[in-house]
Amino acid sequence: MGRRYYSAAKIGQVRARLVSNAGYVKPTAIAEKIGTETVASYRDGKYPPHVDPAEVERETVRAQAELAKIWSGVAVRGAERALELLEDAKCTAQSAAIVGAIGTDKANLLTGRATSRVEVQDLATFLGQSTLPVVVQGPGDHVRGEPLPN
């Protein structure tokens, strides 16, 4: 099989999927059915000479918006299904909620929004604007401004 020449649209699609996959080259290459070295070179901004980098950037932005729209829909459907399952008291509601969370996270990745939870330490203080929201990475993680646990 000879060398393949991909269009700016295809390269933009690959780059958008790479963002959706949190920068992981291998799953992106598998999904797009191209080599990992090709994906890595596109990630690094190395394009074939027959494509215009500005066109690749436009196509990447377009493909990211398209994927973000799809993942936002997945998030909504996952959340709706989780609510339906909770009403029916079925034990698979957690799975539907996870799908909704994954969709939200991927849509946020593609649109450049935050992918970590933001919580407020003290709501009354926050409303008085004397403190800022604190990003919490997970249970038991350190919160800014507090002493480190021993």
N, C-alpha and C. Protein backbone atom coordinates (compact mmCIF):
# COMPACT_ATOMS: atom_id res chain seq x y z
N MET A 1 0.85 -1.18 0.00
CA MET A 1 0.00 0.00 0.00
C MET A 1 0.89 1.23 0.00
N GLY A 2 0.57 2.20 -0.84
CA GLY A 2 1.37 3.41 -0.97
C GLY A 2 1.07 4.45 0.10
N ARG A 3 1.79 5.52 0.01
CA ARG A 3 1.63 6.63 0.95
C ARG A 3 0.28 7.30 0.73
N ARG A 4 -0.38 7.64 1.83
CA ARG A 4 -1.67 8.32 1.74
C ARG A 4 -1.48 9.81 1.97
N TYR A 5 -2.24 10.60 1.25
CA TYR A 5 -2.19 12.05 1.41
C TYR A 5 -3.54 12.51 1.95
N TYR A 6 -3.53 12.98 3.18
CA TYR A 6 -4.76 13.40 3.83
C TYR A 6 -5.02 14.88 3.59
N SER A 7 -6.30 15.22 3.49
CA SER A 7 -6.71 16.61 3.29
C SER A 7 -6.63 17.38 4.61
N ALA A 8 -6.72 18.69 4.51
CA ALA A 8 -6.73 19.53 5.70
C ALA A 8 -7.93 19.18 6.59
N ALA A 9 -9.06 18.81 5.96
CA ALA A 9 -10.25 18.43 6.73
C ALA A 9 -9.98 17.17 7.55
N LYS A 10 -9.33 16.17 6.94
CA LYS A 10 -9.03 14.93 7.65
C LYS A 10 -8.03 15.19 8.77
N ILE A 11 -7.02 16.00 8.52
CA ILE A 11 -6.03 16.32 9.55
C ILE A 11 -6.70 17.07 10.70
N GLY A 12 -7.60 17.99 10.38
CA GLY A 12 -8.35 18.71 11.41
C GLY A 12 -9.21 17.77 12.24
N GLN A 13 -9.82 16.79 11.57
CA GLN A 13 -10.64 15.80 12.27
C GLN A 13 -9.78 14.98 13.22
N VAL A 14 -8.60 14.58 12.77
CA VAL A 14 -7.69 13.81 13.62
C VAL A 14 -7.26 14.64 14.83
N ARG A 15 -6.93 15.89 14.60
CA ARG A 15 -6.50 16.76 15.70
C ARG A 15 -7.62 16.99 16.71
N ALA A 16 -8.85 17.13 16.23
CA ALA A 16 -10.00 17.32 17.13
C ALA A 16 -10.23 16.06 17.96
N ARG A 17 -10.14 14.90 17.32
CA ARG A 17 -10.33 13.65 18.05
C ARG A 17 -9.23 13.47 19.09
N LEU A 18 -8.03 13.92 18.77
CA LEU A 18 -6.92 13.83 19.72
C LEU A 18 -7.23 14.65 20.97
N VAL A 19 -7.80 15.84 20.80
CA VAL A 19 -8.21 16.65 21.95
C VAL A 19 -9.30 15.93 22.74
N SER A 20 -10.26 15.35 22.02
CA SER A 20 -11.34 14.61 22.66
C SER A 20 -10.81 13.42 23.45
N ASN A 21 -9.71 12.84 22.98
CA ASN A 21 -9.09 11.70 23.66
C ASN A 21 -8.03 12.14 24.66
N ALA A 22 -8.11 13.38 25.10
CA ALA A 22 -7.21 13.94 26.12
C ALA A 22 -5.74 13.82 25.73
N GLY A 23 -5.46 13.89 24.42
CA GLY A 23 -4.08 13.88 23.95
C GLY A 23 -3.48 12.49 23.75
N TYR A 24 -4.26 11.45 23.96
CA TYR A 24 -3.74 10.09 23.79
C TYR A 24 -3.69 9.74 22.31
N VAL A 25 -2.48 9.46 21.84
CA VAL A 25 -2.25 9.23 20.42
C VAL A 25 -2.80 7.89 19.96
N LYS A 26 -2.53 6.82 20.70
CA LYS A 26 -2.89 5.47 20.24
C LYS A 26 -4.39 5.30 20.01
N PRO A 27 -5.28 5.68 20.97
CA PRO A 27 -6.71 5.51 20.69
C PRO A 27 -7.19 6.39 19.54
N THR A 28 -6.55 7.55 19.38
CA THR A 28 -6.91 8.42 18.27
C THR A 28 -6.53 7.76 16.95
N ALA A 29 -5.34 7.19 16.90
CA ALA A 29 -4.88 6.52 15.68
C ALA A 29 -5.78 5.32 15.34
N ILE A 30 -6.18 4.57 16.33
CA ILE A 30 -7.05 3.42 16.10
C ILE A 30 -8.40 3.89 15.57
N ALA A 31 -8.98 4.91 16.21
CA ALA A 31 -10.29 5.40 15.79
C ALA A 31 -10.26 5.98 14.38
N GLU A 32 -9.18 6.65 14.03
CA GLU A 32 -9.07 7.30 12.73
C GLU A 32 -8.47 6.39 11.66
N LYS A 33 -8.01 5.20 12.09
CA LYS A 33 -7.42 4.21 11.18
C LYS A 33 -6.20 4.77 10.45
N ILE A 34 -5.35 5.45 11.22
CA ILE A 34 -4.07 5.93 10.69
C ILE A 34 -2.98 5.62 11.70
N GLY A 35 -1.73 5.75 11.31
CA GLY A 35 -0.61 5.41 12.18
C GLY A 35 -0.42 6.36 13.34
N THR A 36 0.16 5.83 14.42
CA THR A 36 0.42 6.66 15.60
C THR A 36 1.44 7.75 15.29
N GLU A 37 2.41 7.45 14.44
CA GLU A 37 3.41 8.46 14.08
C GLU A 37 2.76 9.62 13.32
N THR A 38 1.78 9.30 12.49
CA THR A 38 1.07 10.35 11.75
C THR A 38 0.29 11.24 12.71
N VAL A 39 -0.41 10.63 13.67
CA VAL A 39 -1.16 11.40 14.66
C VAL A 39 -0.21 12.28 15.47
N ALA A 40 0.91 11.70 15.90
CA ALA A 40 1.88 12.46 16.69
C ALA A 40 2.44 13.64 15.90
N SER A 41 2.68 13.45 14.60
CA SER A 41 3.20 14.55 13.80
C SER A 41 2.15 15.66 13.65
N TYR A 42 0.89 15.29 13.47
CA TYR A 42 -0.18 16.30 13.39
C TYR A 42 -0.31 17.03 14.72
N ARG A 43 -0.19 16.29 15.82
CA ARG A 43 -0.25 16.91 17.15
C ARG A 43 0.84 17.97 17.29
N ASP A 44 2.02 17.66 16.76
CA ASP A 44 3.18 18.56 16.87
C ASP A 44 3.19 19.66 15.81
N GLY A 45 2.13 19.73 15.00
CA GLY A 45 2.03 20.79 14.00
C GLY A 45 2.83 20.53 12.74
N LYS A 46 3.21 19.27 12.51
CA LYS A 46 3.95 18.90 11.30
C LYS A 46 2.97 18.31 10.29
N TYR A 47 2.75 19.06 9.21
CA TYR A 47 1.77 18.66 8.20
C TYR A 47 2.48 18.38 6.88
N PRO A 48 1.83 17.60 6.01
CA PRO A 48 2.41 17.39 4.69
C PRO A 48 2.46 18.72 3.92
N PRO A 49 3.39 18.84 2.97
CA PRO A 49 3.55 20.11 2.27
C PRO A 49 2.34 20.52 1.41
N HIS A 50 1.47 19.58 1.08
CA HIS A 50 0.33 19.92 0.21
C HIS A 50 -0.83 20.58 0.95
N VAL A 51 -0.76 20.68 2.29
CA VAL A 51 -1.86 21.32 3.03
C VAL A 51 -1.40 22.64 3.63
N ASP A 52 -2.34 23.57 3.73
CA ASP A 52 -2.09 24.89 4.30
C ASP A 52 -2.35 24.82 5.81
N PRO A 53 -1.35 25.14 6.65
CA PRO A 53 -1.54 25.09 8.11
C PRO A 53 -2.74 25.91 8.59
N ALA A 54 -3.01 27.05 7.97
CA ALA A 54 -4.16 27.87 8.37
C ALA A 54 -5.46 27.13 8.10
N GLU A 55 -5.52 26.41 6.98
CA GLU A 55 -6.71 25.63 6.66
C GLU A 55 -6.88 24.47 7.64
N VAL A 56 -5.75 23.85 8.02
CA VAL A 56 -5.80 22.77 9.02
C VAL A 56 -6.36 23.31 10.33
N GLU A 57 -5.92 24.49 10.73
CA GLU A 57 -6.41 25.09 11.98
C GLU A 57 -7.91 25.36 11.91
N ARG A 58 -8.36 25.91 10.78
CA ARG A 58 -9.81 26.16 10.61
C ARG A 58 -10.60 24.86 10.69
N GLU A 59 -10.09 23.83 10.03
CA GLU A 59 -10.77 22.53 10.03
C GLU A 59 -10.75 21.89 11.42
N THR A 60 -9.67 22.12 12.16
CA THR A 60 -9.59 21.59 13.53
C THR A 60 -10.65 22.24 14.41
N VAL A 61 -10.76 23.55 14.31
CA VAL A 61 -11.76 24.28 15.11
C VAL A 61 -13.17 23.82 14.74
N ARG A 62 -13.42 23.64 13.43
CA ARG A 62 -14.73 23.17 12.97
C ARG A 62 -15.02 21.77 13.51
N ALA A 63 -14.04 20.88 13.41
CA ALA A 63 -14.23 19.50 13.87
C ALA A 63 -14.40 19.45 15.39
N GLN A 64 -13.67 20.30 16.11
CA GLN A 64 -13.83 20.33 17.57
C GLN A 64 -15.23 20.79 17.95
N ALA A 65 -15.75 21.79 17.26
CA ALA A 65 -17.11 22.27 17.54
C ALA A 65 -18.12 21.17 17.26
N GLU A 66 -17.91 20.44 16.18
CA GLU A 66 -18.81 19.34 15.82
C GLU A 66 -18.79 18.24 16.88
N LEU A 67 -17.57 17.84 17.29
CA LEU A 67 -17.46 16.80 18.33
C LEU A 67 -18.01 17.28 19.67
N ALA A 68 -17.77 18.55 20.00
CA ALA A 68 -18.30 19.09 21.26
C ALA A 68 -19.82 19.04 21.27
N LYS A 69 -20.43 19.34 20.13
CA LYS A 69 -21.89 19.28 20.02
C LYS A 69 -22.38 17.85 20.23
N ILE A 70 -21.69 16.90 19.64
CA ILE A 70 -22.06 15.49 19.79
C ILE A 70 -21.93 15.07 21.26
N TRP A 71 -20.79 15.39 21.90
CA TRP A 71 -20.59 14.99 23.29
C TRP A 71 -21.52 15.72 24.25
N SER A 72 -21.90 16.95 23.92
CA SER A 72 -22.88 17.65 24.76
C SER A 72 -24.22 16.92 24.71
N GLY A 73 -24.59 16.44 23.52
CA GLY A 73 -25.81 15.65 23.37
C GLY A 73 -25.74 14.35 24.17
N VAL A 74 -24.56 13.71 24.15
CA VAL A 74 -24.37 12.48 24.93
C VAL A 74 -24.55 12.79 26.41
N ALA A 75 -24.00 13.90 26.86
CA ALA A 75 -24.11 14.28 28.26
C ALA A 75 -25.57 14.49 28.67
N VAL A 76 -26.31 15.18 27.82
CA VAL A 76 -27.73 15.42 28.12
C VAL A 76 -28.50 14.11 28.15
N ARG A 77 -28.28 13.27 27.13
CA ARG A 77 -29.00 11.99 27.10
C ARG A 77 -28.62 11.11 28.29
N GLY A 78 -27.35 11.13 28.68
CA GLY A 78 -26.91 10.36 29.84
C GLY A 78 -27.57 10.85 31.12
N ALA A 79 -27.64 12.17 31.28
CA ALA A 79 -28.28 12.73 32.47
C ALA A 79 -29.78 12.42 32.49
N GLU A 80 -30.44 12.56 31.32
CA GLU A 80 -31.87 12.24 31.25
C GLU A 80 -32.12 10.78 31.59
N ARG A 81 -31.29 9.91 31.05
CA ARG A 81 -31.46 8.47 31.31
C ARG A 81 -31.21 8.15 32.77
N ALA A 82 -30.22 8.82 33.38
CA ALA A 82 -29.95 8.61 34.80
C ALA A 82 -31.17 8.99 35.64
N LEU A 83 -31.81 10.10 35.29
CA LEU A 83 -33.01 10.52 36.02
C LEU A 83 -34.15 9.51 35.83
N GLU A 84 -34.31 9.02 34.60
CA GLU A 84 -35.34 8.01 34.35
C GLU A 84 -35.09 6.76 35.19
N LEU A 85 -33.84 6.31 35.22
CA LEU A 85 -33.52 5.10 35.97
C LEU A 85 -33.67 5.31 37.47
N LEU A 86 -33.36 6.51 37.93
CA LEU A 86 -33.54 6.79 39.35
C LEU A 86 -35.01 6.76 39.72
N GLU A 87 -35.86 7.27 38.82
CA GLU A 87 -37.30 7.23 39.07
C GLU A 87 -37.79 5.79 39.13
N ASP A 88 -37.21 4.92 38.28
CA ASP A 88 -37.60 3.51 38.26
C ASP A 88 -36.84 2.70 39.31
N ALA A 89 -35.91 3.33 40.03
CA ALA A 89 -35.10 2.68 41.07
C ALA A 89 -34.33 1.49 40.52
N LYS A 90 -33.80 1.63 39.32
CA LYS A 90 -32.97 0.57 38.75
C LYS A 90 -31.52 0.84 39.14
N CYS A 91 -30.74 -0.20 39.28
CA CYS A 91 -29.37 -0.05 39.76
C CYS A 91 -28.41 0.44 38.68
N THR A 92 -28.84 0.55 37.44
CA THR A 92 -27.92 0.99 36.38
C THR A 92 -27.92 2.52 36.22
N ALA A 93 -28.53 3.24 37.11
CA ALA A 93 -28.53 4.70 37.03
C ALA A 93 -27.11 5.25 37.11
N GLN A 94 -26.25 4.59 37.87
CA GLN A 94 -24.87 5.04 37.99
C GLN A 94 -24.18 5.00 36.62
N SER A 95 -24.42 3.97 35.86
CA SER A 95 -23.81 3.87 34.53
C SER A 95 -24.27 5.02 33.64
N ALA A 96 -25.55 5.33 33.67
CA ALA A 96 -26.06 6.42 32.84
C ALA A 96 -25.47 7.76 33.30
N ALA A 97 -25.32 7.93 34.61
CA ALA A 97 -24.74 9.17 35.13
C ALA A 97 -23.28 9.29 34.70
N ILE A 98 -22.57 8.18 34.68
CA ILE A 98 -21.17 8.20 34.24
C ILE A 98 -21.08 8.59 32.77
N VAL A 99 -21.99 8.08 31.95
CA VAL A 99 -22.03 8.46 30.53
C VAL A 99 -22.25 9.96 30.40
N GLY A 100 -23.16 10.50 31.18
CA GLY A 100 -23.41 11.94 31.16
C GLY A 100 -22.18 12.73 31.57
N ALA A 101 -21.47 12.25 32.58
CA ALA A 101 -20.27 12.94 33.04
C ALA A 101 -19.16 12.88 32.00
N ILE A 102 -19.02 11.74 31.35
CA ILE A 102 -18.00 11.61 30.31
C ILE A 102 -18.32 12.55 29.15
N GLY A 103 -19.58 12.61 28.77
CA GLY A 103 -19.98 13.51 27.69
C GLY A 103 -19.69 14.96 28.03
N THR A 104 -19.98 15.35 29.26
CA THR A 104 -19.71 16.72 29.70
C THR A 104 -18.21 17.00 29.67
N ASP A 105 -17.42 16.07 30.17
CA ASP A 105 -15.98 16.24 30.22
C ASP A 105 -15.39 16.38 28.81
N LYS A 106 -15.83 15.53 27.89
CA LYS A 106 -15.31 15.59 26.52
C LYS A 106 -15.74 16.88 25.83
N ALA A 107 -16.98 17.30 26.04
CA ALA A 107 -17.43 18.56 25.46
C ALA A 107 -16.61 19.72 26.02
N ASN A 108 -16.30 19.68 27.32
CA ASN A 108 -15.48 20.72 27.94
C ASN A 108 -14.06 20.71 27.39
N LEU A 109 -13.49 19.52 27.19
CA LEU A 109 -12.16 19.43 26.59
C LEU A 109 -12.13 20.08 25.22
N LEU A 110 -13.15 19.81 24.43
CA LEU A 110 -13.17 20.30 23.05
C LEU A 110 -13.44 21.79 22.95
N THR A 111 -14.09 22.36 23.95
CA THR A 111 -14.39 23.79 23.90
C THR A 111 -13.48 24.61 24.79
N GLY A 112 -12.52 23.95 25.44
CA GLY A 112 -11.55 24.67 26.26
C GLY A 112 -12.06 25.06 27.63
N ARG A 113 -13.21 24.54 28.04
CA ARG A 113 -13.72 24.84 29.37
C ARG A 113 -13.06 23.93 30.40
N ALA A 114 -13.24 24.27 31.66
CA ALA A 114 -12.63 23.50 32.75
C ALA A 114 -13.17 22.08 32.78
N THR A 115 -12.30 21.14 33.13
CA THR A 115 -12.73 19.75 33.24
C THR A 115 -12.66 19.26 34.68
N SER A 116 -12.24 20.12 35.62
CA SER A 116 -12.25 19.77 37.04
C SER A 116 -13.47 20.39 37.69
N ARG A 117 -13.89 19.78 38.80
CA ARG A 117 -15.00 20.36 39.53
C ARG A 117 -14.53 21.63 40.23
N VAL A 118 -15.40 22.59 40.34
CA VAL A 118 -15.10 23.81 41.10
C VAL A 118 -16.12 23.88 42.23
N GLU A 119 -15.62 23.96 43.45
CA GLU A 119 -16.50 24.02 44.60
C GLU A 119 -16.16 25.26 45.42
N VAL A 120 -17.11 25.70 46.18
CA VAL A 120 -16.92 26.86 47.04
C VAL A 120 -16.74 26.36 48.47
N GLN A 121 -15.66 26.83 49.11
CA GLN A 121 -15.37 26.41 50.47
C GLN A 121 -16.48 26.84 51.42
N ASP A 122 -16.84 28.08 51.35
CA ASP A 122 -17.84 28.64 52.26
C ASP A 122 -18.75 29.55 51.43
N LEU A 123 -19.99 29.12 51.20
CA LEU A 123 -20.90 29.84 50.31
C LEU A 123 -21.15 31.27 50.80
N ALA A 124 -21.35 31.45 52.09
CA ALA A 124 -21.63 32.79 52.61
C ALA A 124 -20.45 33.72 52.35
N THR A 125 -19.25 33.22 52.56
CA THR A 125 -18.06 34.04 52.32
C THR A 125 -17.91 34.32 50.83
N PHE A 126 -18.19 33.31 50.01
CA PHE A 126 -18.08 33.48 48.56
C PHE A 126 -19.06 34.55 48.07
N LEU A 127 -20.28 34.52 48.59
CA LEU A 127 -21.26 35.51 48.18
C LEU A 127 -20.82 36.91 48.59
N GLY A 128 -20.05 37.00 49.67
CA GLY A 128 -19.49 38.27 50.09
C GLY A 128 -18.22 38.60 49.32
N GLN A 129 -17.82 37.73 48.42
CA GLN A 129 -16.67 37.87 47.53
C GLN A 129 -15.35 38.06 48.26
N SER A 130 -15.24 37.49 49.46
CA SER A 130 -13.96 37.59 50.15
C SER A 130 -13.12 36.32 49.97
N THR A 131 -13.64 35.36 49.21
CA THR A 131 -12.85 34.16 48.88
C THR A 131 -13.19 33.73 47.47
N LEU A 132 -12.35 32.95 46.87
CA LEU A 132 -12.57 32.46 45.52
C LEU A 132 -12.95 30.99 45.55
N PRO A 133 -13.60 30.50 44.51
CA PRO A 133 -13.88 29.07 44.45
C PRO A 133 -12.57 28.28 44.50
N VAL A 134 -12.64 27.09 45.05
CA VAL A 134 -11.47 26.23 45.18
C VAL A 134 -11.67 25.03 44.27
N VAL A 135 -10.67 24.71 43.49
CA VAL A 135 -10.74 23.54 42.63
C VAL A 135 -10.40 22.33 43.47
N VAL A 136 -11.29 21.35 43.47
CA VAL A 136 -11.10 20.13 44.23
C VAL A 136 -10.83 18.99 43.26
N GLN A 137 -9.68 18.35 43.39
CA GLN A 137 -9.30 17.28 42.47
C GLN A 137 -10.01 15.97 42.80
N GLY A 138 -10.27 15.71 44.04
CA GLY A 138 -10.93 14.46 44.41
C GLY A 138 -10.97 14.33 45.92
N PRO A 139 -11.63 13.27 46.40
CA PRO A 139 -11.76 13.08 47.85
C PRO A 139 -10.38 12.97 48.50
N GLY A 140 -10.18 13.70 49.57
CA GLY A 140 -8.95 13.61 50.33
C GLY A 140 -7.81 14.44 49.78
N ASP A 141 -8.01 15.11 48.64
CA ASP A 141 -6.95 15.95 48.08
C ASP A 141 -6.81 17.23 48.89
N HIS A 142 -5.67 17.83 48.78
CA HIS A 142 -5.38 19.06 49.51
C HIS A 142 -6.17 20.23 48.92
N VAL A 143 -6.71 21.08 49.76
CA VAL A 143 -7.42 22.29 49.35
C VAL A 143 -6.50 23.47 49.55
N ARG A 144 -6.39 24.33 48.53
CA ARG A 144 -5.51 25.50 48.64
C ARG A 144 -5.84 26.33 49.85
N GLY A 145 -4.80 26.83 50.51
CA GLY A 145 -5.00 27.73 51.63
C GLY A 145 -5.07 27.01 52.96
N GLU A 146 -5.14 25.70 52.95
CA GLU A 146 -5.17 24.93 54.20
C GLU A 146 -3.83 24.25 54.39
N PRO A 147 -3.44 24.01 55.66
CA PRO A 147 -2.17 23.33 55.89
C PRO A 147 -2.23 21.90 55.32
N LEU A 148 -1.07 21.43 54.87
CA LEU A 148 -1.00 20.07 54.36
C LEU A 148 -1.20 19.07 55.49
N PRO A 149 -1.93 17.98 55.23
CA PRO A 149 -2.12 16.98 56.28
C PRO A 149 -0.80 16.25 56.56
N ASN A 150 -0.64 15.78 57.80
CA ASN A 150 0.60 15.06 58.17
C ASN A 150 0.61 13.67 57.63
